[in-house]
N, C-alpha and C. Protein backbone atom coordinates (compact mmCIF):
# COMPACT_ATOMS: atom_id res chain seq x y z
N MET A 1 1.24 -1.46 -0.12
CA MET A 1 -0.14 0.11 0.31
C MET A 1 0.61 1.16 -0.34
N ASN A 2 0.78 2.13 -0.72
CA ASN A 2 1.66 3.17 -0.98
C ASN A 2 0.64 4.57 -0.17
N ALA A 3 2.18 5.61 -0.20
CA ALA A 3 1.42 7.05 1.06
C ALA A 3 0.56 7.24 0.64
N GLU A 4 0.04 7.36 -0.34
CA GLU A 4 -1.04 8.34 -0.72
C GLU A 4 -2.84 7.44 -0.08
N ALA A 5 -2.31 6.42 -0.28
CA ALA A 5 -3.63 5.30 -0.41
C ALA A 5 -3.47 5.15 1.24
N ILE A 6 -3.09 5.61 2.04
CA ILE A 6 -3.21 5.59 3.83
C ILE A 6 -3.16 6.84 3.85
N GLY A 7 -3.32 8.13 3.60
CA GLY A 7 -3.47 9.19 4.12
C GLY A 7 -2.32 9.54 4.46
N THR A 8 -1.53 9.61 4.39
CA THR A 8 0.23 10.07 5.12
C THR A 8 1.04 10.63 3.54
N PRO A 9 1.81 12.00 4.04
CA PRO A 9 2.51 12.46 2.27
C PRO A 9 2.70 11.60 2.54
N PRO A 10 3.41 11.99 0.51
CA PRO A 10 4.46 11.23 -0.01
C PRO A 10 5.89 11.03 0.09
N GLY A 11 6.91 10.57 0.20
CA GLY A 11 8.06 10.86 0.28
C GLY A 11 8.39 9.91 1.76
N PRO A 12 9.97 9.47 2.15
CA PRO A 12 10.22 8.92 2.91
C PRO A 12 9.11 8.52 4.44
N GLN A 13 9.01 7.79 4.86
CA GLN A 13 7.77 7.48 5.85
C GLN A 13 8.24 6.91 7.19
N PRO A 14 7.90 7.43 8.15
CA PRO A 14 8.62 7.25 9.73
C PRO A 14 8.08 5.96 9.84
N ASP A 15 8.86 4.94 9.93
CA ASP A 15 8.43 3.64 11.05
C ASP A 15 7.35 3.73 12.17
N VAL A 16 6.26 3.22 11.57
CA VAL A 16 5.05 3.21 12.57
C VAL A 16 5.37 2.96 13.74
N ASN A 17 6.12 1.47 13.43
CA ASN A 17 6.39 0.60 14.88
C ASN A 17 6.87 1.42 15.81
N GLU A 18 8.22 2.26 15.11
CA GLU A 18 9.06 3.17 16.43
C GLU A 18 8.04 4.23 16.85
N LEU A 19 7.25 4.96 15.59
CA LEU A 19 6.72 6.24 16.35
C LEU A 19 5.72 5.44 17.33
N ARG A 20 5.15 4.41 16.96
CA ARG A 20 4.15 3.98 18.94
C ARG A 20 4.75 3.41 19.69
N ARG A 21 5.62 2.99 19.43
CA ARG A 21 6.01 2.85 20.77
C ARG A 21 6.95 4.30 21.53
N ARG A 22 6.85 5.50 20.80
CA ARG A 22 7.53 6.52 21.52
C ARG A 22 6.19 7.21 21.97
N ILE A 23 5.42 7.11 21.06
CA ILE A 23 4.03 8.12 21.50
C ILE A 23 2.81 7.70 21.91
N GLY A 24 2.85 5.93 21.13
CA GLY A 24 1.43 4.89 21.73
C GLY A 24 0.69 5.35 23.35
N TRP A 25 1.87 5.15 23.99
CA TRP A 25 1.03 4.91 25.59
C TRP A 25 0.64 6.17 26.17
N ILE A 26 1.04 7.48 25.44
CA ILE A 26 0.84 9.29 25.54
C ILE A 26 -0.67 8.66 24.89
N CYS A 27 -1.04 8.40 23.67
CA CYS A 27 -1.87 8.14 22.77
C CYS A 27 -3.41 8.15 23.40
N HIS A 28 -2.95 6.68 23.57
CA HIS A 28 -4.15 5.78 24.70
C HIS A 28 -4.26 6.08 26.20
N VAL A 29 -3.46 7.23 27.01
CA VAL A 29 -3.63 7.67 27.75
C VAL A 29 -4.34 8.54 27.77
N VAL A 30 -4.44 9.63 26.49
CA VAL A 30 -5.12 10.93 26.16
C VAL A 30 -6.38 10.56 25.70
N ARG A 31 -6.64 9.21 25.11
CA ARG A 31 -7.63 8.83 24.84
C ARG A 31 -8.60 8.57 26.12
N TRP A 32 -8.87 6.90 26.69
CA TRP A 32 -8.83 7.03 27.86
C TRP A 32 -9.55 7.84 28.61
N SER A 33 -8.26 8.88 29.21
CA SER A 33 -8.40 9.91 29.83
C SER A 33 -9.35 10.98 29.42
N ALA A 34 -10.23 11.07 28.04
CA ALA A 34 -10.57 11.89 27.57
C ALA A 34 -12.23 11.14 27.73
N VAL A 35 -12.35 9.98 27.52
CA VAL A 35 -13.56 9.07 27.35
C VAL A 35 -13.94 8.62 29.47
N LEU A 36 -12.82 8.93 30.61
CA LEU A 36 -13.00 8.45 31.50
C LEU A 36 -13.79 10.08 31.63
N TYR A 37 -12.86 11.68 31.07
CA TYR A 37 -13.50 12.75 31.44
C TYR A 37 -15.42 12.75 31.38
N ALA A 38 -15.57 11.81 30.08
CA ALA A 38 -17.10 12.59 29.74
C ALA A 38 -17.89 11.92 30.58
N VAL A 39 -17.14 10.34 31.22
CA VAL A 39 -18.36 9.90 31.81
C VAL A 39 -18.69 10.62 33.64
N TRP A 40 -17.24 10.89 34.08
CA TRP A 40 -17.51 11.65 35.00
C TRP A 40 -17.77 13.38 34.94
N ILE A 41 -18.34 13.58 33.89
CA ILE A 41 -19.24 14.83 33.58
C ILE A 41 -20.78 14.33 33.50
N PHE A 42 -20.44 13.64 32.52
CA PHE A 42 -21.81 13.03 32.81
C PHE A 42 -22.96 12.55 34.06
N TRP A 43 -21.66 12.05 35.48
CA TRP A 43 -21.87 11.41 36.66
C TRP A 43 -22.70 13.00 37.44
N LEU A 44 -21.35 13.63 37.25
CA LEU A 44 -21.51 15.09 38.15
C LEU A 44 -22.61 16.17 37.74
N ILE A 45 -23.48 16.14 36.30
CA ILE A 45 -24.39 17.25 35.91
C ILE A 45 -25.20 16.21 37.41
N GLY A 46 -25.83 14.73 36.51
CA GLY A 46 -26.78 13.54 36.81
C GLY A 46 -26.85 14.36 38.78
N SER A 47 -25.54 14.00 39.39
CA SER A 47 -25.41 14.20 40.93
C SER A 47 -26.21 16.16 41.18
N PHE A 48 -25.57 16.53 40.34
CA PHE A 48 -26.35 18.43 41.06
C PHE A 48 -27.15 18.08 40.49
N TRP A 49 -27.92 18.15 39.57
CA TRP A 49 -29.51 18.00 39.34
C TRP A 49 -30.53 17.09 40.06
N SER A 50 -29.38 16.11 40.82
CA SER A 50 -30.99 15.26 41.45
C SER A 50 -31.46 15.61 42.56
N ASP A 51 -30.31 16.24 43.07
CA ASP A 51 -30.20 16.62 44.71
C ASP A 51 -30.96 18.68 45.02
N GLY A 52 -31.92 18.23 44.93
CA GLY A 52 -32.48 20.10 44.70
C GLY A 52 -31.86 20.63 46.00
N GLU A 53 -31.36 20.45 46.76
CA GLU A 53 -30.80 21.10 48.29
C GLU A 53 -29.85 22.06 47.50
N ARG A 54 -28.95 21.15 46.79
CA ARG A 54 -27.38 21.02 45.97
C ARG A 54 -27.87 22.60 45.57
N VAL A 55 -28.69 22.24 44.15
CA VAL A 55 -28.77 23.15 43.52
C VAL A 55 -29.42 24.75 43.83
N ARG A 56 -30.27 24.58 44.88
CA ARG A 56 -30.70 25.56 45.97
C ARG A 56 -29.39 26.47 46.41
N ARG A 57 -28.74 25.56 47.23
CA ARG A 57 -27.31 26.39 47.99
C ARG A 57 -26.46 27.28 46.74
N THR A 58 -26.65 26.17 45.83
CA THR A 58 -25.77 26.73 44.21
C THR A 58 -26.31 27.92 43.70
N TYR A 59 -26.69 27.72 43.42
CA TYR A 59 -27.74 29.38 43.31
C TYR A 59 -28.51 30.90 44.11
N GLY A 60 -27.90 30.59 45.52
CA GLY A 60 -28.60 31.15 46.36
C GLY A 60 -26.64 31.97 46.52
N PHE A 61 -25.58 30.81 46.17
CA PHE A 61 -24.70 31.71 46.42
C PHE A 61 -24.45 32.56 44.82
N ILE A 62 -24.67 31.66 44.05
CA ILE A 62 -24.43 32.49 42.81
C ILE A 62 -25.33 34.03 43.27
N THR A 63 -26.42 34.06 42.95
CA THR A 63 -27.60 35.65 43.13
C THR A 63 -27.47 35.83 44.57
N GLY A 64 -27.00 35.34 45.73
CA GLY A 64 -26.52 35.89 47.04
C GLY A 64 -28.27 36.52 47.76
N LEU A 65 -29.37 35.57 46.77
CA LEU A 65 -30.84 35.63 47.22
C LEU A 65 -30.65 34.43 48.29
N PRO A 66 -31.57 34.78 48.82
CA PRO A 66 -32.45 33.44 50.01
C PRO A 66 -33.79 32.65 48.97
N LEU A 67 -33.13 31.39 48.39
CA LEU A 67 -34.02 30.26 47.74
C LEU A 67 -34.37 29.68 48.11
N THR A 68 -35.49 29.22 48.01
CA THR A 68 -36.25 27.87 47.85
C THR A 68 -35.65 26.51 46.64
N GLU A 69 -36.04 25.94 47.59
CA GLU A 69 -35.55 24.26 47.03
C GLU A 69 -36.31 24.60 45.04
N PRO A 70 -35.96 24.41 44.17
CA PRO A 70 -36.45 24.23 42.68
C PRO A 70 -37.36 22.85 42.77
N LEU A 71 -38.11 22.71 41.88
CA LEU A 71 -39.18 22.07 41.81
C LEU A 71 -38.35 20.95 41.12
N ALA A 72 -39.00 20.05 41.26
CA ALA A 72 -38.37 18.56 40.55
C ALA A 72 -38.83 19.43 38.79
N TRP A 73 -39.40 19.40 38.02
CA TRP A 73 -39.47 19.85 36.63
C TRP A 73 -38.12 21.26 36.65
N GLN A 74 -38.32 21.75 37.35
CA GLN A 74 -37.12 22.93 36.82
C GLN A 74 -36.20 22.21 37.20
N ARG A 75 -35.37 21.29 37.87
CA ARG A 75 -34.28 20.57 37.75
C ARG A 75 -33.96 19.73 36.85
N ALA A 76 -34.71 19.13 36.10
CA ALA A 76 -35.07 17.85 35.05
C ALA A 76 -34.81 18.69 34.07
N ALA A 77 -35.57 20.37 33.59
CA ALA A 77 -34.96 21.17 32.53
C ALA A 77 -33.64 21.68 32.86
N GLY A 78 -32.92 21.97 34.04
CA GLY A 78 -31.52 22.12 34.69
C GLY A 78 -30.61 20.83 33.53
N TYR A 79 -31.17 19.85 33.46
CA TYR A 79 -30.16 18.95 33.87
C TYR A 79 -30.68 18.55 32.12
N GLY A 80 -31.68 19.11 31.32
CA GLY A 80 -31.74 18.52 30.08
C GLY A 80 -30.65 19.75 29.38
N ILE A 81 -30.87 20.84 29.98
CA ILE A 81 -29.71 21.75 28.81
C ILE A 81 -28.32 21.55 29.27
N ASN A 82 -28.25 20.56 30.68
CA ASN A 82 -26.85 20.83 30.41
C ASN A 82 -26.26 18.97 30.07
N ALA A 83 -27.28 18.38 29.80
CA ALA A 83 -27.58 17.25 28.98
C ALA A 83 -26.99 17.49 27.30
N LEU A 84 -27.31 18.63 26.79
CA LEU A 84 -27.20 19.13 25.70
C LEU A 84 -25.95 19.59 25.01
N ASP A 85 -25.65 20.68 26.31
CA ASP A 85 -24.02 20.64 26.65
C ASP A 85 -22.89 19.88 26.33
N TRP A 86 -23.46 18.84 27.42
CA TRP A 86 -22.66 17.26 27.10
C TRP A 86 -22.16 17.09 25.94
N LEU A 87 -23.36 16.48 25.13
CA LEU A 87 -23.15 15.66 23.98
C LEU A 87 -22.10 16.86 22.95
N LEU A 88 -21.66 17.97 23.28
CA LEU A 88 -20.77 18.97 22.63
C LEU A 88 -19.22 18.40 23.29
N VAL A 89 -19.79 18.20 24.79
CA VAL A 89 -18.55 17.50 24.86
C VAL A 89 -18.19 16.35 24.35
N VAL A 90 -19.31 15.32 24.27
CA VAL A 90 -19.13 14.10 23.43
C VAL A 90 -18.14 14.58 22.45
N ALA A 91 -18.68 14.95 21.87
CA ALA A 91 -18.42 14.98 19.90
C ALA A 91 -17.26 15.19 20.27
N ALA A 92 -16.88 15.99 21.27
CA ALA A 92 -14.99 16.75 21.12
C ALA A 92 -13.86 15.76 21.95
N ILE A 93 -14.92 15.06 22.68
CA ILE A 93 -13.85 13.85 22.87
C ILE A 93 -13.82 12.57 21.97
N PHE A 94 -15.15 12.33 20.93
CA PHE A 94 -15.16 11.67 19.85
C PHE A 94 -13.76 12.34 19.28
N ALA A 95 -13.34 13.42 18.66
CA ALA A 95 -12.69 14.13 17.87
C ALA A 95 -11.01 13.58 18.63
N VAL A 96 -10.74 13.24 19.68
CA VAL A 96 -9.48 13.34 20.11
C VAL A 96 -9.45 12.03 19.99
N TRP A 97 -10.71 11.18 20.38
CA TRP A 97 -10.17 9.34 20.40
C TRP A 97 -9.86 9.75 18.84
N GLN A 98 -10.67 9.86 17.85
CA GLN A 98 -10.12 10.09 16.01
C GLN A 98 -8.42 10.60 16.04
N LEU A 99 -7.95 11.52 16.59
CA LEU A 99 -6.85 12.40 16.38
C LEU A 99 -5.79 11.23 17.02
N MET A 100 -6.30 10.68 17.69
CA MET A 100 -5.07 10.05 18.23
C MET A 100 -5.04 9.06 18.06
N GLY A 101 -5.94 8.26 17.26
CA GLY A 101 -5.77 6.92 16.10
C GLY A 101 -5.28 7.34 15.48
N GLU A 102 -4.78 8.99 14.70
CA GLU A 102 -4.08 8.71 13.50
C GLU A 102 -3.38 8.74 13.52
N TYR A 103 -2.89 9.68 15.09
CA TYR A 103 -1.35 9.67 15.45
C TYR A 103 -0.85 7.87 15.13
N LEU A 104 -1.77 7.44 15.91
CA LEU A 104 -1.22 5.58 15.76
C LEU A 104 -1.52 5.60 14.67
N ARG A 105 -1.42 5.57 13.77
CA ARG A 105 -1.12 4.87 12.23
C ARG A 105 -0.19 5.73 11.44
N GLY A 106 0.62 6.73 12.61
CA GLY A 106 1.72 7.21 12.05
C GLY A 106 1.23 8.57 11.13
N ARG A 107 -0.25 9.44 11.15
CA ARG A 107 -0.16 9.99 10.28
C ARG A 107 -0.73 11.38 11.27
N ILE A 108 0.99 11.94 11.12
CA ILE A 108 1.12 13.56 12.40
C ILE A 108 0.67 14.17 11.84
N PHE A 109 1.68 14.64 10.74
CA PHE A 109 1.33 16.07 9.74
C PHE A 109 0.31 15.50 8.12
N CYS A 110 -0.77 15.40 8.91
CA CYS A 110 -1.52 14.87 7.43
C CYS A 110 -3.23 16.00 7.53
N PRO A 111 -3.47 15.70 6.98
CA PRO A 111 -5.19 17.00 6.43
C PRO A 111 -5.83 15.89 7.21
N ALA A 112 -6.06 14.78 7.67
CA ALA A 112 -7.28 13.75 8.14
C ALA A 112 -7.08 13.96 9.83
N ALA A 113 -5.63 14.04 10.67
CA ALA A 113 -5.32 14.46 11.72
C ALA A 113 -5.24 16.06 12.05
N ALA A 114 -5.22 16.48 10.85
CA ALA A 114 -5.29 18.14 11.04
C ALA A 114 -7.09 18.44 11.24
N ILE A 115 -7.87 17.66 10.66
CA ILE A 115 -8.95 17.99 10.45
C ILE A 115 -9.73 17.86 11.52
N TRP A 116 -9.29 16.34 12.30
CA TRP A 116 -9.86 15.88 13.71
C TRP A 116 -9.75 16.64 14.52
N MET A 117 -8.14 17.51 14.86
CA MET A 117 -7.49 18.46 15.33
C MET A 117 -8.32 20.12 15.71
N ARG A 118 -8.71 20.16 14.73
CA ARG A 118 -9.83 21.45 14.03
C ARG A 118 -11.32 21.09 14.93
N ARG A 119 -11.95 19.89 14.75
CA ARG A 119 -12.99 19.58 15.31
C ARG A 119 -12.79 19.23 16.81
N ILE A 120 -11.90 19.09 17.30
CA ILE A 120 -11.75 18.97 18.27
C ILE A 120 -11.83 21.07 19.28
N GLY A 121 -11.19 21.74 18.83
CA GLY A 121 -11.52 22.99 18.99
C GLY A 121 -13.13 23.12 18.33
N ILE A 122 -13.95 23.02 17.36
CA ILE A 122 -14.89 23.82 17.68
C ILE A 122 -15.54 23.29 17.98
N PHE A 123 -15.95 21.53 18.49
CA PHE A 123 -16.56 20.97 19.47
C PHE A 123 -16.56 21.98 20.73
N GLY A 124 -15.29 21.82 20.79
CA GLY A 124 -14.82 22.54 22.63
C GLY A 124 -15.29 23.75 23.01
N SER A 125 -15.46 24.33 21.48
CA SER A 125 -15.53 25.93 21.65
C SER A 125 -16.88 25.64 21.61
N ALA A 126 -17.42 25.33 20.99
CA ALA A 126 -18.88 25.15 20.67
C ALA A 126 -20.17 25.14 22.15
N ALA A 127 -19.23 24.10 22.46
CA ALA A 127 -19.44 23.19 24.46
C ALA A 127 -19.04 24.41 25.34
N MET A 128 -18.16 25.16 25.25
CA MET A 128 -18.10 26.53 26.00
C MET A 128 -18.84 27.68 25.98
N VAL A 129 -19.66 28.09 24.63
CA VAL A 129 -20.02 28.90 24.25
C VAL A 129 -21.87 28.61 24.61
N LEU A 130 -22.34 27.79 24.83
CA LEU A 130 -23.34 27.10 24.92
C LEU A 130 -23.58 27.10 26.30
N ASP A 131 -22.66 26.71 27.26
CA ASP A 131 -22.66 26.44 28.63
C ASP A 131 -22.53 27.85 28.94
N ILE A 132 -21.72 29.09 28.52
CA ILE A 132 -21.63 30.60 28.91
C ILE A 132 -23.34 31.55 28.11
N LEU A 133 -24.06 30.71 27.15
CA LEU A 133 -25.25 31.77 27.28
C LEU A 133 -26.13 30.30 27.34
N CYS A 134 -25.74 29.27 27.89
CA CYS A 134 -27.28 28.85 28.77
C CYS A 134 -27.22 28.98 30.65
N ARG A 135 -26.75 29.63 30.87
CA ARG A 135 -26.15 30.10 32.65
C ARG A 135 -27.99 30.56 32.20
N PRO A 136 -27.49 31.89 32.32
CA PRO A 136 -29.26 32.83 32.12
C PRO A 136 -30.23 32.53 32.29
N LEU A 137 -30.11 31.39 31.73
CA LEU A 137 -31.48 30.60 30.67
C LEU A 137 -32.09 29.86 32.20
N THR A 138 -30.84 28.77 32.33
CA THR A 138 -30.92 28.11 33.89
C THR A 138 -31.08 29.11 34.83
N SER A 139 -30.52 29.41 35.30
CA SER A 139 -31.07 30.84 36.15
C SER A 139 -32.06 30.98 36.00
N ALA A 140 -32.76 31.33 35.39
CA ALA A 140 -34.08 32.10 34.85
C ALA A 140 -35.51 30.76 35.34
N ILE A 141 -34.96 29.52 35.51
CA ILE A 141 -35.52 28.45 35.21
C ILE A 141 -35.67 28.12 36.77
N MET A 142 -34.80 28.39 37.14
CA MET A 142 -33.95 27.91 39.08
C MET A 142 -34.76 28.58 39.56
N SER A 143 -35.75 29.75 39.20
CA SER A 143 -36.50 30.39 39.66
C SER A 143 -37.66 30.86 39.44
N LEU A 144 -38.43 30.38 38.78
CA LEU A 144 -39.79 30.40 38.33
C LEU A 144 -40.85 29.56 39.67
N HIS A 145 -40.33 29.40 40.29
CA HIS A 145 -41.61 29.06 41.33
C HIS A 145 -40.98 29.83 42.77
N MET A 146 -40.08 31.12 42.61
CA MET A 146 -40.40 31.76 43.38
C MET A 146 -41.10 32.84 43.29
N PRO A 147 -41.38 33.54 44.22
CA PRO A 147 -42.32 34.83 44.05
C PRO A 147 -42.27 35.94 43.20
N GLU A 148 -42.53 36.96 42.67
CA GLU A 148 -42.58 37.62 41.47
C GLU A 148 -41.31 38.32 41.23
N GLY A 149 -41.12 38.99 42.47
CA GLY A 149 -40.65 39.77 43.13
C GLY A 149 -38.70 38.94 43.77
N ALA A 150 -39.07 38.13 43.60
CA ALA A 150 -37.86 37.20 43.51
C ALA A 150 -37.20 36.21 42.68
N ARG A 151 -37.85 36.59 41.85
CA ARG A 151 -36.76 36.06 40.19
C ARG A 151 -36.09 36.24 39.97
N PHE A 152 -34.95 35.54 39.37
CA PHE A 152 -33.54 36.41 38.59
C PHE A 152 -33.62 35.91 37.79
N ILE A 153 -32.40 36.42 36.53
CA ILE A 153 -31.58 35.97 35.86
C ILE A 153 -30.14 36.41 36.31
N ALA A 154 -28.72 35.16 36.10
CA ALA A 154 -27.85 35.86 36.36
C ALA A 154 -26.82 34.97 35.27
N VAL A 155 -26.63 36.68 35.13
CA VAL A 155 -25.40 36.23 33.98
C VAL A 155 -23.63 35.92 34.24
N THR A 156 -23.16 35.26 34.37
CA THR A 156 -22.26 34.84 35.06
C THR A 156 -20.77 34.22 33.53
N VAL A 157 -19.69 35.01 33.73
CA VAL A 157 -18.65 34.31 33.10
C VAL A 157 -17.59 34.94 33.69
N GLN A 158 -16.69 33.41 33.64
CA GLN A 158 -15.19 33.22 34.65
C GLN A 158 -14.35 33.33 33.86
N PRO A 159 -13.14 33.72 34.55
CA PRO A 159 -11.54 34.00 33.75
C PRO A 159 -11.28 32.75 33.32
N ASN A 160 -11.60 31.38 33.64
CA ASN A 160 -11.54 31.02 33.26
C ASN A 160 -12.05 30.04 32.39
N ASP A 161 -13.70 30.49 32.26
CA ASP A 161 -14.10 30.49 30.85
C ASP A 161 -13.57 30.39 29.45
N LEU A 162 -12.92 32.03 30.03
CA LEU A 162 -12.19 32.38 28.70
C LEU A 162 -10.88 32.01 28.06
N LEU A 163 -10.30 31.10 29.36
CA LEU A 163 -8.99 30.41 29.11
C LEU A 163 -9.19 29.69 28.37
N ILE A 164 -10.40 28.99 28.68
CA ILE A 164 -10.63 27.24 27.85
C ILE A 164 -11.18 27.68 26.65
N LEU A 165 -11.36 28.72 25.86
CA LEU A 165 -12.00 28.92 24.37
C LEU A 165 -10.87 29.34 24.23
N LEU A 166 -9.69 30.24 25.07
CA LEU A 166 -8.77 30.60 24.34
C LEU A 166 -8.02 28.98 23.89
N PHE A 167 -7.67 28.33 24.84
CA PHE A 167 -6.81 26.93 24.17
C PHE A 167 -7.92 26.20 22.98
N LEU A 168 -8.73 26.26 23.13
CA LEU A 168 -9.69 25.60 22.03
C LEU A 168 -9.57 26.93 20.40
N LEU A 169 -9.37 27.81 20.61
CA LEU A 169 -9.31 28.23 19.95
C LEU A 169 -7.55 28.27 19.09
N ALA A 170 -6.83 28.11 19.85
CA ALA A 170 -5.52 27.60 19.52
C ALA A 170 -5.72 26.51 18.37
N PHE A 171 -6.74 25.54 18.96
CA PHE A 171 -6.45 23.88 18.47
C PHE A 171 -6.97 24.11 17.41
N VAL A 172 -7.62 25.14 17.02
CA VAL A 172 -8.55 25.75 15.58
C VAL A 172 -7.68 26.06 14.97
N ALA A 173 -6.43 27.22 14.85
CA ALA A 173 -5.76 27.56 13.99
C ALA A 173 -4.75 26.55 14.27
N LEU A 174 -4.25 26.00 15.15
CA LEU A 174 -3.24 24.90 14.80
C LEU A 174 -3.62 24.14 14.07
N ALA A 175 -4.66 23.45 13.96
CA ALA A 175 -5.10 22.20 12.82
C ALA A 175 -5.54 23.23 11.62
N HIS A 176 -5.84 24.65 11.42
CA HIS A 176 -5.92 25.04 10.16
C HIS A 176 -4.18 25.55 9.47
N ILE A 177 -3.56 25.55 10.34
CA ILE A 177 -1.95 25.65 10.25
C ILE A 177 -1.32 24.17 9.55
N PHE A 178 -1.79 23.26 10.65
CA PHE A 178 -1.11 21.66 9.75
C PHE A 178 -2.01 21.24 8.89
N LYS A 179 -2.95 21.42 8.53
CA LYS A 179 -3.66 21.16 7.11
C LYS A 179 -3.11 21.81 6.16
N SER A 180 -2.83 23.25 6.04
CA SER A 180 -2.32 24.19 5.25
C SER A 180 -1.03 23.62 4.72
N ALA A 181 0.36 23.14 5.95
CA ALA A 181 1.57 23.00 5.60
C ALA A 181 1.53 21.20 5.01
N ALA A 182 0.26 20.63 5.08
CA ALA A 182 0.20 19.33 4.99
C ALA A 182 0.22 19.24 3.91
N GLU A 183 -1.37 20.22 3.48
CA GLU A 183 -1.18 20.45 1.37
C GLU A 183 0.00 20.63 0.91
N LEU A 184 -0.12 22.00 1.80
CA LEU A 184 1.54 22.58 0.81
C LEU A 184 2.75 21.73 0.19
N ALA A 185 2.85 20.31 1.42
CA ALA A 185 3.54 19.31 1.28
C ALA A 185 2.93 18.23 0.53
N GLU A 186 2.11 18.27 0.17
CA GLU A 186 1.47 17.53 -1.01
C GLU A 186 1.84 17.63 -2.19
N ASP A 187 1.76 19.22 -2.05
CA ASP A 187 1.24 19.58 -3.63
C ASP A 187 3.01 20.26 -3.94
N HIS A 188 4.14 19.69 -2.90
CA HIS A 188 5.13 19.95 -3.23
C HIS A 188 5.60 18.76 -4.07
N ALA A 189 5.03 17.86 -3.04
CA ALA A 189 5.96 16.35 -3.53
C ALA A 189 5.72 15.92 -5.04
N GLN A 190 3.79 16.47 -5.33
CA GLN A 190 3.29 16.43 -6.88
C GLN A 190 4.52 17.04 -7.99
N ILE A 191 5.02 18.02 -7.31
CA ILE A 191 5.95 19.01 -8.48
C ILE A 191 6.44 18.54 -8.59
N VAL A 192 7.88 18.08 -7.18
CA VAL A 192 9.12 17.24 -7.40
C VAL A 192 8.70 15.83 -7.87
């Protein structure tokens, strides 16, 4: 099978077995850590929204208002909103799995790896933006059972939100650079 058939750039190819020996362990650690992260986050979401007193304390802390425990339907709505966001996290984790798979096949600087890297950044950024945008909606839902003057909408953006977005956008930029470089290398190899 030639280099083009497996998606690697033409020219001298690295020994894939040697590459796997060097980076295989870290690719597997990253893959399984990402899966464990998804499971952990899913558990945290369920644990949080199933405990009405915890939800009350959290939103009371955010707003500084004395709140009563949200009703079951409100907590179910909050869970649903967080679950939608979690699906974007799962999409990013799937992209991480695929990117590490490309690396394990020896396809480090190739368009396919760059595309998966870009997807990590896009899905991760979408999850972060959705999380930030849904916070006011979720807080409003959590206060619907309160009397008219005690209802609220809490808008919260934390510095670590912006830091995470910065790192994810850097993934998108790096992916664009890697993809452009891989395409340029392919064009150059066809000329030569």
